Protein backbone atom coordinates (compact mmCIF):
# COMPACT_ATOMS: atom_id res chain seq x y z
CA UNK A 1 -10.66 2.10 -18.89
CA UNK A 2 -10.24 5.47 -20.54
CA UNK A 3 -10.73 8.74 -18.71
CA UNK A 4 -8.95 11.69 -17.15
CA UNK A 5 -8.98 10.78 -13.44
CA UNK A 6 -6.42 8.45 -11.87
CA UNK A 7 -4.09 7.88 -8.91
CA UNK A 8 -0.51 8.60 -9.98
CA UNK A 9 1.50 5.53 -8.91
CA UNK A 10 4.86 7.31 -8.81
CA UNK A 11 3.81 10.71 -7.46
CA UNK A 12 6.83 12.39 -5.90
CA UNK A 13 9.36 10.70 -8.20
CA UNK A 14 11.65 12.82 -10.35
CA UNK A 15 10.46 12.56 -13.00
CA UNK A 16 6.99 11.15 -12.30
CA UNK A 17 6.15 9.08 -15.39
CA UNK A 18 2.66 7.75 -14.67
CA UNK A 19 0.29 9.36 -17.18
CA UNK A 20 -2.65 7.11 -16.36
CA UNK A 21 -1.89 4.46 -18.98
CA UNK A 22 -2.78 1.00 -17.73
CA UNK A 23 -1.47 -1.53 -17.19
CA UNK A 24 1.25 0.44 -15.43
CA UNK A 25 4.72 -0.71 -16.51
CA UNK A 26 6.87 1.63 -14.43
CA UNK A 27 9.48 0.57 -11.89
CA UNK A 28 7.41 1.37 -8.78
CA UNK A 29 4.83 -1.47 -8.37
CA UNK A 30 1.21 -0.50 -8.93
CA UNK A 31 0.34 -1.89 -5.47
CA UNK A 32 2.60 0.73 -3.84
CA UNK A 33 0.68 3.79 -5.05
CA UNK A 34 2.15 6.95 -3.48
CA UNK A 35 -1.04 8.92 -4.13
CA UNK A 36 -2.68 7.11 -1.20
CA UNK A 37 -1.62 7.63 2.42
CA UNK A 38 -2.87 7.75 6.01
CA UNK A 39 -3.25 10.82 8.20
CA UNK A 40 -3.42 10.74 12.00
CA UNK A 41 -1.04 7.88 12.81
CA UNK A 42 2.76 7.72 13.19
CA UNK A 43 3.38 7.97 9.44
CA UNK A 44 1.80 7.61 5.99
CA UNK A 45 1.27 3.84 6.21
CA UNK A 46 0.63 3.28 9.93
CA UNK A 47 -2.13 4.14 12.38
CA UNK A 48 -3.06 2.96 15.87
CA UNK A 49 -6.03 1.52 17.70
CA UNK A 50 -8.17 4.41 18.97
CA UNK A 51 -6.44 7.03 16.79
CA UNK A 52 -8.72 9.25 14.64
CA UNK A 53 -7.56 8.38 11.14
CA UNK A 54 -8.27 9.61 7.64
CA UNK A 55 -7.15 8.27 4.29
CA UNK A 56 -5.82 10.90 1.90
CA UNK A 57 -6.20 10.23 -1.83
CA UNK A 58 -4.43 12.42 -4.39
CA UNK A 59 -6.45 12.41 -7.61
CA UNK A 60 -4.74 13.45 -10.84
CA UNK A 61 -6.83 15.03 -13.59
CA UNK A 62 -5.02 14.73 -16.93
CA UNK A 63 -7.81 16.50 -18.81
CA UNK A 64 -7.79 20.11 -19.97
CA UNK A 65 -10.91 21.02 -18.02
CA UNK A 66 -11.84 20.81 -14.35
CA UNK A 67 -13.68 17.63 -13.31
CA UNK A 68 -16.96 18.03 -11.42
CA UNK A 69 -18.25 16.10 -8.41
CA UNK A 70 -15.23 13.83 -7.97
CA UNK A 71 -15.52 11.06 -5.38
CA UNK A 72 -12.92 8.61 -4.06
CA UNK A 73 -13.95 5.45 -2.20
CA UNK A 74 -11.33 3.76 -0.01
CA UNK A 75 -11.64 0.11 0.96
CA UNK A 76 -9.58 -1.05 3.95
CA UNK A 77 -8.68 -4.69 3.27
CA UNK A 78 -6.79 -7.50 4.92
CA UNK A 79 -3.46 -7.81 3.05
CA UNK A 80 -3.62 -10.24 0.16
CA UNK A 81 -2.28 -11.25 -3.20
CA UNK A 82 -4.75 -12.16 -5.93
CA UNK A 83 -8.32 -11.11 -6.78
CA UNK A 84 -10.65 -9.46 -4.22
CA UNK A 85 -13.85 -7.40 -4.03
CA UNK A 86 -15.43 -4.55 -1.96
CA UNK A 87 -17.49 -7.08 0.00
CA UNK A 88 -14.26 -8.17 1.75
CA UNK A 89 -13.51 -4.65 3.06
CA UNK A 90 -12.97 -4.07 6.77
CA UNK A 91 -14.02 -0.42 6.41
CA UNK A 92 -15.12 1.90 3.61
CA UNK A 93 -14.31 5.61 3.55
CA UNK A 94 -15.19 8.33 1.04
CA UNK A 95 -13.84 11.71 0.04
CA UNK A 96 -15.44 14.20 -2.32
CA UNK A 97 -14.64 17.48 -4.02
CA UNK A 98 -16.99 19.59 -6.13
CA UNK A 99 -14.37 20.71 -8.64
CA UNK A 100 -10.94 19.23 -9.40
CA UNK A 101 -8.57 21.30 -11.53
CA UNK A 102 -6.27 19.72 -14.13
CA UNK A 103 -2.96 18.26 -12.93
CA UNK A 104 -1.75 16.49 -9.77
CA UNK A 105 -1.20 19.57 -7.62
CA UNK A 106 1.81 20.36 -5.43
CA UNK A 107 3.60 18.15 -2.94
CA UNK A 108 1.68 19.38 0.09
CA UNK A 109 -0.60 16.71 1.62
CA UNK A 110 -3.20 19.46 1.90
CA UNK A 111 -3.17 20.29 -1.81
CA UNK A 112 -6.58 20.77 -3.43
CA UNK A 113 -6.05 17.54 -5.41
CA UNK A 114 -5.87 15.51 -2.17
CA UNK A 115 -9.28 14.26 -1.04
CA UNK A 116 -9.81 13.59 2.67
CA UNK A 117 -11.63 10.27 2.95
CA UNK A 118 -13.68 9.51 6.06
CA UNK A 119 -16.44 7.13 7.14
CA UNK A 120 -19.92 8.22 6.11
CA UNK A 121 -21.97 7.83 9.30
CA UNK A 122 -25.73 7.84 8.53
CA UNK A 123 -26.40 10.11 11.55
CA UNK A 124 -23.24 12.15 12.12
CA UNK A 125 -22.10 12.43 8.51
CA UNK A 126 -18.36 12.16 7.66
CA UNK A 127 -16.39 11.01 10.73
CA UNK A 128 -12.81 9.85 11.25
CA UNK A 129 -12.06 6.16 11.31
CA UNK A 130 -11.02 5.20 14.85
CA UNK A 131 -9.68 1.65 14.57
CA UNK A 132 -10.80 -0.61 17.39
CA UNK A 133 -9.05 -3.44 19.24
CA UNK A 134 -11.64 -5.75 17.72
CA UNK A 135 -10.55 -4.66 14.23
CA UNK A 136 -6.93 -5.31 15.13
CA UNK A 137 -7.85 -8.75 16.50
CA UNK A 138 -9.76 -9.48 13.29
CA UNK A 139 -6.72 -8.96 11.07
CA UNK A 140 -4.87 -12.05 9.95
CA UNK A 141 -3.51 -13.59 13.16
CA UNK A 142 -3.97 -10.20 14.84
CA UNK A 143 -0.92 -8.81 13.04
CA UNK A 144 -2.63 -5.56 12.03
CA UNK A 145 -1.51 -5.68 8.42
CA UNK A 146 -3.96 -4.07 5.99
CA UNK A 147 -4.03 -2.55 2.54
CA UNK A 148 -5.95 0.30 0.95
CA UNK A 149 -7.72 -0.06 -2.38
CA UNK A 150 -9.15 3.14 -3.86
CA UNK A 151 -11.67 3.86 -6.61
CA UNK A 152 -12.24 7.34 -8.06
CA UNK A 153 -15.21 8.37 -10.19
CA UNK A 154 -17.24 11.40 -11.20
CA UNK A 155 -20.56 12.11 -12.87
CA UNK A 156 -18.99 11.65 -16.29
CA UNK A 157 -16.44 8.83 -15.88
CA UNK A 158 -15.71 5.77 -13.80
CA UNK A 159 -18.34 4.23 -11.55
CA UNK A 160 -19.18 3.39 -7.97
CA UNK A 161 -18.28 -0.24 -7.33
CA UNK A 162 -20.86 -2.86 -6.39
CA UNK A 163 -20.07 -5.10 -3.43
CA UNK A 164 -19.47 -8.10 -5.68
CA UNK A 165 -17.30 -6.21 -8.17
CA UNK A 166 -13.79 -7.58 -8.67
CA UNK A 167 -11.07 -4.97 -8.15
CA UNK A 168 -8.98 -4.43 -11.28
CA UNK A 169 -6.14 -2.25 -10.04
CA UNK A 170 -3.90 -3.51 -12.85
CA UNK A 171 -6.05 -2.37 -15.76
CA UNK A 172 -8.36 0.33 -14.42
CA UNK A 173 -6.71 3.74 -14.01
CA UNK A 174 -9.48 4.76 -11.61
CA UNK A 175 -8.19 2.29 -8.99
CA UNK A 176 -5.08 2.29 -6.81
CA UNK A 177 -3.59 0.33 -3.92
CA UNK A 178 -1.20 0.83 -1.01
CA UNK A 179 -0.30 -1.29 2.02
CA UNK A 180 -0.70 -0.05 5.62
CA UNK A 181 -0.52 -1.33 9.19
CA UNK A 182 -2.81 -1.02 12.21
CA UNK A 183 -0.74 -0.86 15.40
CA UNK A 184 -1.88 -1.53 18.97
CA UNK A 185 -2.02 1.37 21.42
CA UNK A 186 1.64 0.87 22.30
CA UNK A 187 4.65 0.05 20.16
CA UNK A 188 5.43 -3.60 19.63
CA UNK A 189 7.61 -5.71 17.39
CA UNK A 190 6.75 -9.08 15.97
CA UNK A 191 9.15 -11.23 14.04
CA UNK A 192 6.58 -12.02 11.37
CA UNK A 193 3.95 -10.34 9.23
CA UNK A 194 0.66 -11.77 8.06
CA UNK A 195 -0.95 -11.60 4.62
CA UNK A 196 -3.41 -13.51 2.48
CA UNK A 197 -2.94 -15.38 -0.77
CA UNK A 198 -6.10 -14.86 -2.79
CA UNK A 199 -7.67 -17.48 -5.03
CA UNK A 200 -6.53 -17.07 -8.63
CA UNK A 201 -9.05 -16.71 -11.50
CA UNK A 202 -10.29 -20.07 -12.81
CA UNK A 203 -8.38 -21.77 -9.96
CA UNK A 204 -5.16 -21.90 -11.97
CA UNK A 205 -1.88 -23.01 -10.44
CA UNK A 206 0.31 -20.17 -9.14
CA UNK A 207 3.55 -19.56 -7.28
CA UNK A 208 4.31 -17.08 -4.49
CA UNK A 209 7.86 -15.76 -4.39
CA UNK A 210 10.06 -13.20 -2.69
CA UNK A 211 11.67 -11.02 -5.35
CA UNK A 212 14.31 -8.28 -5.25
CA UNK A 213 13.50 -4.68 -6.13
CA UNK A 214 15.80 -2.94 -8.60
CA UNK A 215 18.27 -0.73 -6.76
CA UNK A 216 17.44 2.28 -8.92
CA UNK A 217 13.80 2.23 -7.75
CA UNK A 218 14.11 0.64 -4.30
CA UNK A 219 14.67 4.02 -2.63
CA UNK A 220 13.04 6.53 -4.94
CA UNK A 221 11.45 9.83 -4.02
CA UNK A 222 8.24 8.13 -2.91
CA UNK A 223 10.04 5.76 -0.54
CA UNK A 224 12.09 8.62 0.92
CA UNK A 225 8.86 10.59 1.42
CA UNK A 226 7.41 7.59 3.25
CA UNK A 227 10.52 7.08 5.40
CA UNK A 228 10.65 10.73 6.44
CA UNK A 229 7.05 10.50 7.66
CA UNK A 230 8.22 8.10 10.41
CA UNK A 231 8.91 9.70 13.79
CA UNK A 232 12.35 8.06 14.11
CA UNK A 233 13.62 9.25 10.72
CA UNK A 234 14.54 12.81 9.79
CA UNK A 235 16.62 14.71 7.24
CA UNK A 236 20.08 15.70 8.47
CA UNK A 237 21.66 18.80 6.97
CA UNK A 238 24.99 17.68 8.40
CA UNK A 239 24.85 14.35 6.56
CA UNK A 240 22.85 15.79 3.64
CA UNK A 241 20.69 12.68 3.78
CA UNK A 242 17.85 11.05 5.74
CA UNK A 243 19.00 9.53 9.04
CA UNK A 244 17.45 7.15 11.57
CA UNK A 245 17.82 8.11 15.22
CA UNK A 246 19.02 5.30 17.50
CA UNK A 247 19.08 6.45 21.13
CA UNK A 248 19.38 10.00 19.83
CA UNK A 249 22.36 9.28 17.56
CA UNK A 250 21.87 9.77 13.80
CA UNK A 251 22.76 7.02 11.32
CA UNK A 252 22.47 7.83 7.58
CA UNK A 253 20.13 5.58 5.63
CA UNK A 254 21.64 3.47 2.87
CA UNK A 255 20.34 0.74 0.61
CA UNK A 256 21.41 -2.76 1.56
CA UNK A 257 21.24 -4.54 -1.79
CA UNK A 258 21.50 -8.01 -0.24
CA UNK A 259 18.13 -9.67 0.28
CA UNK A 260 17.38 -10.79 3.84
CA UNK A 261 16.58 -14.43 4.45
CA UNK A 262 12.80 -14.71 4.04
CA UNK A 263 10.66 -17.69 5.01
CA UNK A 264 7.00 -17.96 3.99
CA UNK A 265 4.33 -20.41 5.05
CA UNK A 266 0.59 -20.83 4.53
CA UNK A 267 -2.10 -22.67 6.46
CA UNK A 268 -2.74 -26.26 5.38
CA UNK A 269 0.28 -26.07 3.05
CA UNK A 270 3.29 -25.25 5.18
CA UNK A 271 6.38 -23.69 3.64
CA UNK A 272 5.79 -21.69 0.45
CA UNK A 273 8.47 -22.67 -2.04
CA UNK A 274 8.49 -20.57 -5.25
CA UNK A 275 9.69 -23.65 -7.11
CA UNK A 276 6.56 -25.60 -6.12
CA UNK A 277 3.27 -24.46 -7.77
CA UNK A 278 0.25 -24.03 -5.55
CA UNK A 279 -2.76 -26.02 -6.77
CA UNK A 280 -5.92 -24.04 -7.41
CA UNK A 281 -7.90 -23.14 -4.28
CA UNK A 282 -11.25 -21.43 -3.72
CA UNK A 283 -10.79 -19.38 -0.55
CA UNK A 284 -8.00 -17.04 0.61
CA UNK A 285 -5.08 -18.77 2.32
CA UNK A 286 -3.75 -17.31 5.55
CA UNK A 287 -0.02 -16.89 5.13
CA UNK A 288 2.86 -15.17 6.85
CA UNK A 289 6.50 -14.35 6.29
CA UNK A 290 9.50 -13.97 8.56
CA UNK A 291 12.77 -12.38 7.61
CA UNK A 292 16.12 -12.11 9.30
CA UNK A 293 17.88 -8.80 8.57
CA UNK A 294 21.22 -10.29 9.66
CA UNK A 295 23.22 -9.61 12.81
CA UNK A 296 26.01 -7.87 10.90
CA UNK A 297 23.70 -5.25 9.36
CA UNK A 298 24.56 -1.68 10.29
CA UNK A 299 22.14 0.88 11.71
CA UNK A 300 20.47 2.76 8.86
CA UNK A 301 20.52 -0.18 6.43
CA UNK A 302 17.34 -0.24 4.33
CA UNK A 303 16.23 -3.57 2.90
CA UNK A 304 13.55 -3.74 0.22
CA UNK A 305 11.85 -6.78 -1.33
CA UNK A 306 8.45 -7.73 -2.73
CA UNK A 307 6.13 -10.74 -2.50
CA UNK A 308 4.38 -11.58 -5.75
CA UNK A 309 1.90 -14.22 -6.86
CA UNK A 310 2.45 -15.33 -10.47
CA UNK A 311 0.90 -17.80 -12.90
CA UNK A 312 3.08 -20.55 -14.33
CA UNK A 313 3.98 -18.32 -17.29
CA UNK A 314 5.49 -15.78 -14.91
CA UNK A 315 2.71 -13.17 -15.17
CA UNK A 316 1.67 -11.41 -11.94
CA UNK A 317 -1.78 -12.34 -10.60
CA UNK A 318 -3.60 -9.47 -8.91
CA UNK A 319 -1.78 -7.47 -6.26
CA UNK A 320 1.55 -7.88 -4.49
CA UNK A 321 3.28 -6.68 -1.33
CA UNK A 322 6.35 -4.45 -1.18
CA UNK A 323 8.28 -4.64 2.10
CA UNK A 324 10.70 -1.97 3.32
CA UNK A 325 12.62 -2.25 6.58
CA UNK A 326 15.13 -0.05 8.38
CA UNK A 327 17.70 -1.41 10.84
CA UNK A 328 17.39 0.72 13.97
CA UNK A 329 18.14 -1.65 16.80
């Protein structure tokens, strides 16, 4: 869909190449849009039960003139691959700005191009999202794994989505996606993560596979920006690089280009083997993955991979998940 407003997928990269053309063919996956992030939790992609939380949405205006009455709707979804709609959202938040100047703005999260999206309470007006224990319990197997899907529109372009609309993040520049996690009130670690495999259009056969991420884009500017938003990771002038603190001792981050051993399984199916096509199915499948980083991995090792659903011709179907882990214990 043509227009001037969009969420720049690779914001923060040097250079940032996303000019709003869709489908996006750049190295950073469209489902890892760096123009969307959380505010209030431990970092840009995590928040906690009971923590006042906002979603920040950086809107780029590639036009020559300011855009008027720009709105961004954020849909908090259970993680999934495949097609989905606003009716499946756990929460909906909205941000609005009367006038949006051309460009993407500066790197500050408080730049004028960054809309603060909150829940629209019919009595109180805009209020922060305070995730509840019930919402955490309602995630797939209680794992807390969610994703954000955003839609931007104004009086002159784009549109507000109906509940039964099908998200089209691939082809519509007005939409964007990023994964996030809802944590319990205290830190915890689970050896698995939950997600959903969505039903493919026309119930076609698909495969779900773990795929490597090219080294040149695995740790780009956007990923470093995300890592540095975590409380345990900071930039060390001594090492001239980001470091992870383990019991107060700094360990420089480095890319481990060897994929961890990843096992996937889905309800009613069992192990997900990328060599075995999934028959068409009508409802989302609950699935999960486990991965072993390896006992010989050094502190600071960063492992990156992605989970993608594809048709039998190898084309991606809907969204995917990008996973980034840091060895810190």
